[in-house]
Amino acid sequence: MPLPDVELSGRFVAVVYDLTSGQPGRFRRIDDCAKRAGIKRRADVTRAVATAEAAGFLVVHVGEQLVMLTSKGRESARG
């Protein structure tokens, strides 16, 4: 059974936070983040990123497969 969107996006945001050490303005590759989060299926990666972006937790770099946490995303990941 597929994981709920909120769980996928939560895992993804947590990994982006870890990889950026919580620093603002740092982009990371989507595929690297997904791999570390244990998200393997392309459809699940797409759902995780779309859900986190819609919630305002991250920004997707136009034209590249990069993401960056927003201040809201950093606060959420800090817990």
Protein backbone atom coordinates (compact mmCIF):
# COMPACT_ATOMS: atom_id res chain seq x y z
CA MET A 1 0.00 0.00 0.00
CA PRO A 2 1.45 3.42 -0.94
CA LEU A 3 2.37 5.81 1.85
CA PRO A 4 0.14 8.85 2.36
CA ASP A 5 1.31 12.06 0.66
CA VAL A 6 1.88 13.78 3.99
CA GLU A 7 4.20 11.00 5.19
CA LEU A 8 6.17 11.01 1.93
CA SER A 9 6.57 14.79 2.02
CA GLY A 10 7.51 14.73 5.71
CA ARG A 11 10.28 12.23 5.07
CA PHE A 12 11.47 14.24 2.08
CA VAL A 13 11.51 17.59 3.95
CA ALA A 14 13.37 16.01 6.88
CA VAL A 15 16.09 14.72 4.55
CA VAL A 16 16.46 18.07 2.77
CA TYR A 17 16.82 19.68 6.20
CA ASP A 18 19.52 17.18 7.21
CA LEU A 19 21.42 17.55 3.93
CA THR A 20 21.41 21.35 4.17
CA SER A 21 22.15 21.36 7.91
CA GLY A 22 19.11 23.60 8.23
CA GLN A 23 20.88 26.41 6.38
CA PRO A 24 18.74 28.73 4.22
CA GLY A 25 19.36 29.16 0.50
CA ARG A 26 20.90 25.73 -0.10
CA PHE A 27 19.59 23.61 -2.95
CA ARG A 28 19.83 19.82 -3.11
CA ARG A 29 19.15 17.34 -5.89
CA ILE A 30 15.67 15.82 -5.73
CA ASP A 31 16.89 12.31 -6.60
CA ASP A 32 19.54 12.38 -3.84
CA CYS A 33 16.99 13.49 -1.27
CA ALA A 34 14.49 10.86 -2.36
CA LYS A 35 17.10 8.11 -2.21
CA ARG A 36 18.10 9.07 1.34
CA ALA A 37 14.44 9.25 2.35
CA GLY A 38 13.90 5.74 1.00
CA ILE A 39 11.43 6.94 -1.64
CA LYS A 40 12.09 4.75 -4.66
CA ARG A 41 9.16 5.04 -7.05
CA ARG A 42 9.19 8.07 -9.38
CA ALA A 43 5.47 8.62 -8.75
CA ASP A 44 6.09 8.73 -4.98
CA VAL A 45 8.95 11.22 -5.43
CA THR A 46 6.68 13.41 -7.53
CA ARG A 47 3.94 13.24 -4.88
CA ALA A 48 6.38 14.02 -2.04
CA VAL A 49 7.79 17.07 -3.79
CA ALA A 50 4.39 18.35 -4.96
CA THR A 51 2.86 17.97 -1.50
CA ALA A 52 5.77 19.69 0.26
CA GLU A 53 5.80 22.49 -2.32
CA ALA A 54 2.03 23.02 -2.05
CA ALA A 55 2.35 23.23 1.75
CA GLY A 56 5.02 25.94 1.35
CA PHE A 57 7.85 23.82 2.77
CA LEU A 58 10.14 23.91 -0.23
CA VAL A 59 10.86 25.57 -3.54
CA VAL A 60 11.68 23.65 -6.70
CA HIS A 61 14.39 25.22 -8.87
CA VAL A 62 12.95 25.97 -12.30
CA GLY A 63 14.59 23.95 -15.06
CA GLU A 64 16.64 21.74 -12.73
CA GLN A 65 15.93 18.87 -10.41
CA LEU A 66 16.79 20.85 -7.27
CA VAL A 67 14.86 21.79 -4.14
CA MET A 68 15.42 24.23 -1.30
CA LEU A 69 13.56 24.52 1.99
CA THR A 70 11.61 27.66 2.77
CA SER A 71 11.71 29.16 6.26
CA LYS A 72 8.41 27.36 6.92
CA GLY A 73 10.00 24.08 5.81
CA ARG A 74 13.03 24.58 8.06
CA GLU A 75 10.79 25.35 11.04
CA SER A 76 8.66 22.28 10.35
CA ALA A 77 11.68 19.99 10.02
CA ARG A 78 13.22 21.33 13.23
CA GLY A 79 10.07 20.09 14.89
